[in-house]
Protein backbone atom coordinates (compact mmCIF):
# COMPACT_ATOMS: atom_id res chain seq x y z
CA MET A 1 1.66 21.14 76.88
CA SER A 2 1.38 24.62 76.13
CA ILE A 3 2.23 26.37 72.48
CA THR A 4 3.67 29.92 72.46
CA VAL A 5 2.69 32.54 70.56
CA GLY A 6 5.39 31.78 67.75
CA GLN A 7 5.35 28.05 68.05
CA LEU A 8 1.00 28.68 67.09
CA ALA A 9 2.54 31.72 64.09
CA ASN A 10 4.15 29.05 62.47
CA ALA A 11 1.59 26.17 62.74
CA LYS A 12 -0.57 28.67 61.07
CA ARG A 13 2.02 29.25 58.81
CA ARG A 14 2.65 25.40 58.03
CA ALA A 15 -0.92 24.68 57.04
CA LEU A 16 -1.39 27.77 54.88
CA ASN A 17 1.65 26.46 52.92
CA LEU A 18 -0.11 22.92 52.27
CA PHE A 19 -2.77 25.15 51.52
CA ASP A 20 -1.62 27.62 48.84
CA LYS A 21 0.85 23.84 47.61
CA TRP A 22 -2.79 22.45 47.39
CA ASN A 23 -4.83 25.23 46.19
CA ASP A 24 -2.56 25.74 43.08
CA VAL A 25 -2.85 22.19 42.06
CA THR A 26 -6.69 22.35 42.46
CA GLY A 27 -6.90 26.39 41.71
CA CYS A 28 -10.09 26.41 43.67
CA ALA A 29 -9.82 30.46 45.02
CA ASP A 30 -8.33 32.01 43.35
CA PRO A 31 -5.03 34.51 45.61
CA GLY A 32 -6.53 38.09 46.75
CA THR A 33 -10.73 36.97 46.47
CA SER A 34 -12.82 36.98 50.18
CA ARG A 35 -12.86 33.07 49.45
CA TYR A 36 -9.53 32.97 48.61
CA TYR A 37 -9.12 35.12 52.61
CA GLU A 38 -11.94 32.99 53.98
CA LEU A 39 -10.45 29.39 53.51
CA GLN A 40 -7.33 31.33 54.75
CA GLY A 41 -8.95 32.39 57.81
CA CYS A 42 -10.87 28.59 58.40
CA ILE A 43 -7.27 26.69 58.36
CA GLU A 44 -6.47 29.49 60.98
CA ASP A 45 -8.91 28.96 63.42
CA ALA A 46 -8.80 25.12 62.15
CA VAL A 47 -5.46 25.25 63.77
CA GLU A 48 -5.78 27.14 66.51
CA CYS A 49 -8.28 24.67 67.88
CA GLY A 50 -5.76 22.09 67.21
CA ALA A 51 -2.99 24.01 69.68
CA GLN A 52 -5.99 24.93 71.77
CA ALA A 53 -7.23 20.34 71.90
CA ALA A 54 -2.78 19.55 72.18
CA SER A 55 -3.36 21.92 75.02
CA GLY A 56 -6.42 21.08 77.39
CA VAL A 57 -8.10 23.94 77.18
CA HIS A 58 -11.15 25.05 75.27
CA GLU A 59 -11.64 29.72 74.60
CA LEU A 60 -13.68 30.87 72.02
CA LEU A 61 -12.19 31.36 68.59
CA ASP A 62 -11.99 35.45 67.92
CA SER A 63 -14.09 34.26 64.81
CA GLU A 64 -16.73 32.37 67.85
CA LYS A 65 -17.14 35.92 69.69
CA GLU A 66 -18.19 37.71 66.91
């Protein structure tokens, strides 16, 4: 199974929308703050990890290369 760039972008958007709904209820991170953007980055990395797992590949994420 492989995933296209567009499918990955859609998956990230979906995950970030779910995060925003959750964050609106919990108030965990104020939008526009560094904490909010760090959480978004973690979510995007998690989506990429899931896509890699579904595709049967393992490559370092950009955040792992830094």
